[in-house]
Amino acid sequence: MVVAGTTQRRGVGRLLMDSAVRLAEESGCYKVPLLVADEAYVPKRAAFKAATQGFCRYVPSDRF
C-alpha cells in the first residue's frame, strides 16, 4: 500500500491498515502479515512487529 504524497500525514494509511486488521479479525484470522520492500517505512504506531521477512500483527482473539 502506498499513500499518495499529497495525502500523506492525514491518517489515510492508518485508516486503511486498521480496516484491513478489522476485516481479518471479523473473518477469524489470528494474524495479518505485512510484506514490505527493504526501503519501506512502517510506523511503530501501526503495531506491526518485525518478522523474518516483513512484519506481522497478531489479532487479539478469545477463540484460540
Protein backbone atom coordinates (compact mmCIF):
# COMPACT_ATOMS: atom_id res chain seq x y z
CA MET A 1 0.00 0.00 0.00
CA VAL A 2 1.28 3.42 -0.86
CA VAL A 3 -0.42 6.67 0.07
CA ALA A 4 0.00 9.48 -2.43
CA GLY A 5 2.36 12.20 -1.30
CA THR A 6 -0.40 14.81 -1.47
CA THR A 7 -2.48 12.91 1.10
CA GLN A 8 0.26 11.66 3.43
CA ARG A 9 0.23 12.58 7.14
CA ARG A 10 -3.58 12.77 7.15
CA GLY A 11 -4.31 9.32 8.57
CA VAL A 12 -5.28 7.68 5.27
CA GLY A 13 -2.76 4.84 5.58
CA ARG A 14 -3.74 4.28 9.19
CA LEU A 15 -7.42 4.02 8.25
CA LEU A 16 -6.62 1.52 5.50
CA MET A 17 -4.45 -0.64 7.78
CA ASP A 18 -6.98 -0.51 10.62
CA SER A 19 -9.72 -1.58 8.18
CA ALA A 20 -7.59 -4.50 6.95
CA VAL A 21 -6.93 -5.64 10.53
CA ARG A 22 -10.62 -5.29 11.45
CA LEU A 23 -11.65 -7.32 8.39
CA ALA A 24 -9.11 -10.02 9.28
CA GLU A 25 -10.39 -10.16 12.85
CA GLU A 26 -14.03 -10.39 11.72
CA SER A 27 -13.04 -13.19 9.32
CA GLY A 28 -11.45 -15.24 12.11
CA CYS A 29 -7.82 -14.61 11.21
CA TYR A 30 -5.26 -14.58 14.01
CA LYS A 31 -2.54 -12.54 12.30
CA VAL A 32 -2.09 -10.03 9.50
CA PRO A 33 1.18 -10.32 7.55
CA LEU A 34 2.69 -7.22 6.02
CA LEU A 35 5.41 -7.81 3.46
CA VAL A 36 7.45 -4.74 2.62
CA ALA A 37 10.30 -3.70 0.38
CA ASP A 38 13.63 -3.20 2.12
CA GLU A 39 13.36 0.57 1.92
CA ALA A 40 9.75 0.71 3.14
CA TYR A 41 8.83 2.65 6.27
CA VAL A 42 6.36 1.16 8.74
CA PRO A 43 5.46 3.47 11.63
CA LYS A 44 5.79 1.94 15.11
CA ARG A 45 2.25 3.07 15.93
CA ALA A 46 0.97 0.63 13.27
CA ALA A 47 1.70 -2.12 15.85
CA PHE A 48 3.37 -4.49 13.39
CA LYS A 49 6.32 -6.46 14.77
CA ALA A 50 9.38 -7.21 12.63
CA ALA A 51 9.43 -10.85 11.47
CA THR A 52 11.86 -12.91 9.40
CA GLN A 53 10.55 -11.35 6.20
CA GLY A 54 8.27 -8.39 6.55
CA PHE A 55 6.12 -7.69 9.59
CA CYS A 56 3.30 -9.44 11.41
CA ARG A 57 0.47 -8.17 13.63
CA TYR A 58 -1.43 -10.68 15.74
CA VAL A 59 -5.16 -10.08 16.08
CA PRO A 60 -6.43 -10.43 19.66
CA SER A 61 -9.00 -13.16 19.87
CA ASP A 62 -10.57 -15.24 22.59
CA ARG A 63 -11.22 -18.04 20.06
CA PHE A 64 -7.73 -19.54 20.49
